[in-house]
Amino acid sequence: MKHFTSILQLGDLQEALAEAAAIKADPFAHQQLGRNKTLLLVFFNNSLRTRLSTQKAGLNLGMNVIVLDVNQGAWKLETGHGVIMDGDKSEHLLEAIPVMGSYCDMIGVRSFARFESKEDDYNEVILNQFIQYSGRPVFSMEAATRHPLQTFADILTIEEHKTKARPKVVMTWAPHPKALPQAVPNSFIEGMSMTDYDFVIANPEGYDLAPEFVGKAWVTHDQDEALAGADFVYAKNWASYEHYGEVLSRDRSWTVTKEKMALTNDAFFLHCLPVRRNMIVSDEVIESPRSLVIPEAANREYAAQTVIKRLLESL
């Protein structure tokens, strides 16, 4: 594995899950792999879990870790090609990236959708420039269209808590005051395609996701229908894909409440965090014994460590 931008690049999912479980049981077993190697984590956007879990994963593997917050710790970067740089941006990404690559052995990049151009976002312009110009293995810590480390942790968490071979997993849209990227739901759909789970997507009209990600997944615009008999409920907001980046609805009837969870098979609740309480999910649900948001977040460390380990092995 030379780069990691999609969970599909893990290959055999069961092998990857077994590897992550072994790492979780003994996180420091492979420190020699990363000894005298440097991991650079580049953040164009805010982060809590991704920053901490990925930095910890690199340290577990014996790596030196450098964290760069582009918005606070670097020159403002121009990303467009052919731009006359007479504004407030002092450095171009095409110079910055190879410089970054010269200081490290591997790069993680976090760069959200900007909602300025669907074409640029879905072509992953920033992430792909790192792959093209850094000369280093690059992995995504959430890009415009995917968040594969999150999805890997999500599936690891489901595997640890499922009580049947083929659980019903529902990913439901929920309201949010701002427009959020489609990276988490897109990536989660890709992850579900690697399993044999009974998977359902529920969202209001106007919020269907990109066809290339949805594929043959079952999509319903009736949340109650989707939740019936569910074993896991993954709540997530995303902005409209058809009306790109727009907020078409803040319908609070889609909030995951105790009454909604009563429709399920005593389901576990999942969310990638951070979460808007009483918009996405009620206090009762996220604080209930069936909420897995904390173990799900903890598993981010082992998902990241598995990916970094595989990239180190390919150096």
Protein backbone atom coordinates (compact mmCIF):
# COMPACT_ATOMS: atom_id res chain seq x y z
CA MET A 1 0.00 0.00 0.00
CA LYS A 2 1.73 3.20 -1.21
CA HIS A 3 -0.99 5.68 -0.19
CA PHE A 4 -4.26 5.47 1.76
CA THR A 5 -7.22 7.57 0.64
CA SER A 6 -10.10 5.05 0.72
CA ILE A 7 -11.00 2.19 3.02
CA LEU A 8 -11.21 0.00 -0.08
CA GLN A 9 -7.40 0.12 -0.19
CA LEU A 10 -7.26 -2.04 2.94
CA GLY A 11 -7.94 -5.08 0.80
CA ASP A 12 -9.35 -8.02 2.76
CA LEU A 13 -11.44 -6.38 5.48
CA GLN A 14 -11.32 -9.31 7.90
CA GLU A 15 -7.53 -9.39 7.72
CA ALA A 16 -7.39 -5.64 8.38
CA LEU A 17 -9.77 -5.93 11.34
CA ALA A 18 -7.75 -8.80 12.80
CA GLU A 19 -4.58 -6.72 12.42
CA ALA A 20 -6.22 -3.76 14.15
CA ALA A 21 -7.42 -6.00 17.00
CA ALA A 22 -3.89 -7.36 17.47
CA ILE A 23 -2.50 -3.82 17.54
CA LYS A 24 -5.14 -2.82 20.08
CA ALA A 25 -4.07 -5.73 22.28
CA ASP A 26 -0.37 -4.75 22.05
CA PRO A 27 0.06 -1.21 20.68
CA PHE A 28 3.85 -1.09 21.13
CA ALA A 29 4.76 -4.37 19.42
CA HIS A 30 6.01 -2.75 16.21
CA GLN A 31 8.06 0.19 17.46
CA GLN A 32 11.11 -0.85 15.46
CA LEU A 33 9.16 -0.20 12.25
CA GLY A 34 8.99 3.52 12.94
CA ARG A 35 12.29 4.05 14.66
CA ASN A 36 14.13 7.07 13.18
CA LYS A 37 11.19 7.72 10.85
CA THR A 38 9.28 11.01 10.87
CA LEU A 39 5.53 11.38 10.42
CA LEU A 40 4.20 14.78 9.35
CA LEU A 41 0.52 15.52 10.04
CA VAL A 42 -0.80 18.48 8.03
CA PHE A 43 -4.10 20.05 9.10
CA PHE A 44 -5.95 22.48 6.89
CA ASN A 45 -9.01 22.09 9.17
CA ASN A 46 -9.82 21.70 12.86
CA SER A 47 -9.40 18.38 14.58
CA LEU A 48 -9.54 16.73 17.99
CA ARG A 49 -9.86 12.94 17.61
CA THR A 50 -7.96 12.73 14.33
CA ARG A 51 -5.09 14.87 15.58
CA LEU A 52 -4.69 13.05 18.89
CA SER A 53 -5.35 9.51 17.69
CA THR A 54 -3.07 9.75 14.66
CA GLN A 55 -0.27 11.39 16.61
CA LYS A 56 -0.58 8.67 19.27
CA ALA A 57 -0.57 5.97 16.59
CA GLY A 58 2.69 7.31 15.15
CA LEU A 59 4.27 7.47 18.60
CA ASN A 60 3.13 3.90 19.35
CA LEU A 61 5.07 2.84 16.25
CA GLY A 62 8.23 4.59 17.44
CA MET A 63 7.98 7.50 14.98
CA ASN A 64 8.91 11.13 15.45
CA VAL A 65 5.73 13.14 14.85
CA ILE A 66 5.47 16.72 13.56
CA VAL A 67 2.06 18.43 13.54
CA LEU A 68 1.51 21.42 11.24
CA ASP A 69 -1.64 23.53 11.52
CA VAL A 70 -1.59 25.33 8.19
CA ASN A 71 -4.02 28.05 9.30
CA GLN A 72 -2.03 29.00 12.40
CA GLY A 73 1.51 27.75 11.96
CA ALA A 74 2.41 28.44 8.33
CA TRP A 75 2.16 31.01 5.54
CA LYS A 76 -1.21 31.28 3.88
CA LEU A 77 -1.16 28.81 1.00
CA GLU A 78 -2.39 29.29 -2.54
CA THR A 79 -3.79 26.08 -4.05
CA GLY A 80 -4.90 27.19 -7.51
CA HIS A 81 -2.73 26.88 -10.61
CA GLY A 82 -2.05 29.91 -12.83
CA VAL A 83 -3.14 32.32 -10.09
CA ILE A 84 -1.46 35.74 -9.87
CA MET A 85 -0.42 35.76 -6.23
CA ASP A 86 -1.05 39.42 -5.45
CA GLY A 87 -3.37 38.78 -2.51
CA ASP A 88 -2.90 37.62 1.08
CA LYS A 89 -1.40 34.20 0.21
CA SER A 90 2.39 34.19 0.39
CA GLU A 91 3.28 30.63 -0.61
CA HIS A 92 2.04 28.16 -3.18
CA LEU A 93 1.21 24.59 -2.28
CA LEU A 94 3.40 23.40 -5.17
CA GLU A 95 6.49 24.69 -3.35
CA ALA A 96 5.25 23.94 0.16
CA ILE A 97 4.48 20.26 -0.48
CA PRO A 98 7.95 19.13 -1.67
CA VAL A 99 9.51 21.14 1.15
CA MET A 100 7.28 19.29 3.64
CA GLY A 101 8.24 16.00 2.01
CA SER A 102 11.93 16.73 2.49
CA TYR A 103 11.47 16.81 6.27
CA CYS A 104 9.60 13.53 6.76
CA ASP A 105 9.05 9.94 5.67
CA MET A 106 5.25 9.96 5.57
CA ILE A 107 2.49 12.58 5.45
CA GLY A 108 -1.08 12.60 6.75
CA VAL A 109 -3.35 15.29 5.31
CA ARG A 110 -6.66 16.69 6.55
CA SER A 111 -8.44 18.94 4.06
CA PHE A 112 -12.23 19.26 4.01
CA ALA A 113 -14.54 20.04 1.13
CA ARG A 114 -14.64 23.77 0.52
CA PHE A 115 -18.07 23.80 -1.19
CA GLU A 116 -16.69 26.28 -3.74
CA SER A 117 -16.54 23.77 -6.58
CA LYS A 118 -18.07 20.30 -6.59
CA GLU A 119 -15.62 19.32 -9.33
CA ASP A 120 -12.55 20.40 -7.34
CA ASP A 121 -13.81 18.77 -4.14
CA TYR A 122 -14.71 15.46 -5.79
CA ASN A 123 -11.39 15.44 -7.68
CA GLU A 124 -9.58 15.82 -4.34
CA VAL A 125 -7.36 18.59 -5.66
CA ILE A 126 -5.40 19.24 -2.44
CA LEU A 127 -4.93 15.61 -1.35
CA ASN A 128 -3.84 14.56 -4.82
CA GLN A 129 -1.26 17.36 -4.98
CA PHE A 130 0.35 15.91 -1.86
CA ILE A 131 0.42 12.48 -3.48
CA GLN A 132 1.86 13.89 -6.71
CA TYR A 133 4.49 16.30 -5.35
CA SER A 134 5.58 15.17 -1.86
CA GLY A 135 7.52 12.07 -2.88
CA ARG A 136 6.24 10.39 0.30
CA PRO A 137 3.48 7.95 1.25
CA VAL A 138 0.36 10.02 1.93
CA PHE A 139 -2.72 9.06 3.90
CA SER A 140 -6.00 10.88 4.31
CA MET A 141 -7.03 12.15 7.73
CA GLU A 142 -10.29 13.28 6.08
CA ALA A 143 -10.45 14.72 2.62
CA ALA A 144 -13.21 16.38 0.61
CA THR A 145 -15.00 13.13 -0.25
CA ARG A 146 -13.84 10.44 2.21
CA HIS A 147 -12.77 9.87 5.83
CA PRO A 148 -11.37 6.32 5.66
CA LEU A 149 -9.71 6.22 9.09
CA GLN A 150 -13.04 7.07 10.69
CA THR A 151 -14.82 4.37 8.73
CA PHE A 152 -12.21 1.78 9.68
CA ALA A 153 -12.74 2.64 13.35
CA ASP A 154 -16.53 2.56 12.88
CA ILE A 155 -16.44 -0.97 11.48
CA LEU A 156 -14.00 -2.13 14.14
CA THR A 157 -16.44 -0.84 16.77
CA ILE A 158 -19.41 -2.58 15.15
CA GLU A 159 -17.47 -5.85 14.98
CA GLU A 160 -16.63 -5.59 18.68
CA HIS A 161 -20.27 -5.07 19.70
CA LYS A 162 -22.41 -6.99 17.22
CA THR A 163 -24.41 -9.94 18.57
CA LYS A 164 -25.34 -11.48 15.23
CA ALA A 165 -23.36 -12.29 12.11
CA ARG A 166 -25.36 -9.92 9.91
CA PRO A 167 -26.53 -6.90 11.92
CA LYS A 168 -28.79 -4.24 10.47
CA VAL A 169 -26.86 -0.96 10.26
CA VAL A 170 -28.68 2.29 9.51
CA MET A 171 -26.93 5.50 8.55
CA THR A 172 -29.40 8.32 9.05
CA TRP A 173 -29.16 11.99 8.13
CA ALA A 174 -29.87 14.32 11.05
CA PRO A 175 -30.27 18.11 11.17
CA HIS A 176 -27.41 20.56 11.66
CA PRO A 177 -27.26 24.38 11.54
CA LYS A 178 -24.39 24.47 9.02
CA ALA A 179 -23.48 22.76 5.75
CA LEU A 180 -21.27 19.76 6.47
CA PRO A 181 -19.17 17.74 3.99
CA GLN A 182 -20.19 14.34 2.64
CA ALA A 183 -16.84 12.71 3.47
CA VAL A 184 -17.97 10.67 6.48
CA PRO A 185 -21.17 9.28 4.93
CA ASN A 186 -19.46 8.60 1.58
CA SER A 187 -16.69 6.73 3.30
CA PHE A 188 -19.07 4.83 5.56
CA ILE A 189 -20.98 3.60 2.50
CA GLU A 190 -17.72 2.35 1.00
CA GLY A 191 -16.96 0.53 4.23
CA MET A 192 -20.40 -1.05 4.33
CA SER A 193 -19.86 -2.34 0.79
CA MET A 194 -16.98 -4.43 2.17
CA THR A 195 -19.23 -6.14 4.74
CA ASP A 196 -22.27 -8.40 4.52
CA TYR A 197 -24.28 -6.23 6.93
CA ASP A 198 -27.88 -5.34 6.19
CA PHE A 199 -27.23 -1.67 5.42
CA VAL A 200 -29.76 1.15 4.96
CA ILE A 201 -29.35 4.87 4.26
CA ALA A 202 -32.09 7.24 5.44
CA ASN A 203 -32.22 10.87 4.40
CA PRO A 204 -34.79 13.52 3.43
CA GLU A 205 -35.60 14.36 -0.17
CA GLY A 206 -32.80 16.44 -1.68
CA TYR A 207 -30.09 14.82 0.43
CA ASP A 208 -29.27 11.74 -1.65
CA LEU A 209 -25.52 11.27 -1.76
CA ALA A 210 -23.31 11.01 -4.85
CA PRO A 211 -24.40 8.07 -7.03
CA GLU A 212 -20.82 6.77 -7.35
CA PHE A 213 -20.78 6.23 -3.59
CA VAL A 214 -24.37 5.09 -3.02
CA GLY A 215 -24.18 2.41 -5.70
CA LYS A 216 -26.77 -0.27 -4.98
CA ALA A 217 -27.27 0.58 -1.30
CA TRP A 218 -30.87 0.78 -0.09
CA VAL A 219 -31.90 4.43 0.33
CA THR A 220 -35.17 5.51 1.92
CA HIS A 221 -36.61 8.93 2.69
CA ASP A 222 -38.59 7.44 5.60
CA GLN A 223 -36.43 7.44 8.73
CA ASP A 224 -38.87 5.40 10.80
CA GLU A 225 -38.98 2.69 8.14
CA ALA A 226 -35.18 2.52 8.13
CA LEU A 227 -34.85 2.39 11.92
CA ALA A 228 -37.27 -0.51 12.35
CA GLY A 229 -35.30 -3.48 13.68
CA ALA A 230 -31.91 -1.74 13.43
CA ASP A 231 -28.99 -3.08 15.49
CA PHE A 232 -26.75 -0.04 14.95
CA VAL A 233 -27.76 3.55 14.20
CA TYR A 234 -25.11 5.85 12.74
CA ALA A 235 -26.34 9.46 12.77
CA LYS A 236 -24.64 12.04 10.57
CA ASN A 237 -25.49 15.30 8.89
CA TRP A 238 -24.38 16.14 5.37
CA ALA A 239 -25.11 19.05 3.05
CA SER A 240 -26.98 18.51 -0.20
CA TYR A 241 -25.01 16.91 -3.02
CA GLU A 242 -27.55 17.79 -5.72
CA HIS A 243 -27.67 21.42 -4.55
CA TYR A 244 -24.03 21.27 -3.63
CA GLY A 245 -23.17 22.51 -0.17
CA GLU A 246 -26.63 23.89 0.57
CA VAL A 247 -28.71 23.39 3.73
CA LEU A 248 -32.17 22.46 2.47
CA SER A 249 -33.62 21.39 5.79
CA ARG A 250 -33.15 21.63 9.54
CA ASP A 251 -36.12 19.36 10.21
CA ARG A 252 -35.85 18.39 13.88
CA SER A 253 -38.11 15.39 13.34
CA TRP A 254 -34.94 13.68 12.01
CA THR A 255 -33.10 14.12 15.33
CA VAL A 256 -32.24 10.73 16.85
CA THR A 257 -34.26 10.63 20.07
CA LYS A 258 -35.30 8.02 22.62
CA GLU A 259 -38.55 7.63 20.70
CA LYS A 260 -36.67 7.00 17.44
CA MET A 261 -34.37 4.46 19.10
CA ALA A 262 -37.44 2.66 20.47
CA LEU A 263 -38.18 1.64 16.86
CA THR A 264 -34.91 -0.31 16.71
CA ASN A 265 -33.76 -3.66 18.01
CA ASP A 266 -32.30 -1.97 21.14
CA ALA A 267 -29.69 -0.55 18.77
CA PHE A 268 -26.28 0.84 19.58
CA PHE A 269 -25.76 4.50 18.69
CA LEU A 270 -22.76 5.64 16.64
CA HIS A 271 -21.45 9.07 15.65
CA CYS A 272 -18.02 10.25 14.51
CA LEU A 273 -18.01 13.31 16.83
CA PRO A 274 -18.09 16.22 17.41
CA VAL A 275 -21.86 16.13 17.67
CA ARG A 276 -24.48 18.86 18.09
CA ARG A 277 -26.55 17.62 21.00
CA ASN A 278 -30.31 17.90 20.61
CA MET A 279 -29.85 18.60 16.90
CA ILE A 280 -28.20 15.37 15.71
CA VAL A 281 -29.01 13.32 18.82
CA SER A 282 -30.78 13.87 22.11
CA ASP A 283 -28.92 13.91 25.43
CA GLU A 284 -30.77 10.75 26.48
CA VAL A 285 -29.49 8.76 23.53
CA ILE A 286 -25.86 9.88 23.48
CA GLU A 287 -25.57 9.39 27.25
CA SER A 288 -27.30 6.00 27.25
CA PRO A 289 -25.49 2.69 27.87
CA ARG A 290 -26.10 1.86 24.18
CA SER A 291 -24.04 4.84 22.99
CA LEU A 292 -20.69 3.78 21.52
CA VAL A 293 -19.33 7.22 20.65
CA ILE A 294 -16.46 7.01 23.17
CA PRO A 295 -15.18 3.49 22.30
CA GLU A 296 -15.68 4.40 18.64
CA ALA A 297 -13.42 7.44 19.11
CA ALA A 298 -10.88 5.37 21.04
CA ASN A 299 -10.68 2.92 18.14
CA ARG A 300 -9.47 5.77 15.91
CA GLU A 301 -6.00 5.19 17.38
CA TYR A 302 -5.85 1.56 16.29
CA ALA A 303 -7.35 2.22 12.87
CA ALA A 304 -4.70 4.87 12.21
CA GLN A 305 -1.94 2.68 13.60
CA THR A 306 -2.87 -0.21 11.33
CA VAL A 307 -2.73 2.04 8.26
CA ILE A 308 0.55 3.71 9.26
CA LYS A 309 2.09 0.32 10.03
CA ARG A 310 1.18 -0.94 6.55
CA LEU A 311 2.62 2.19 4.94
CA LEU A 312 5.84 1.79 6.94
CA GLU A 313 6.08 -1.82 5.79
CA SER A 314 5.92 -0.63 2.18
CA LEU A 315 8.79 1.89 2.51
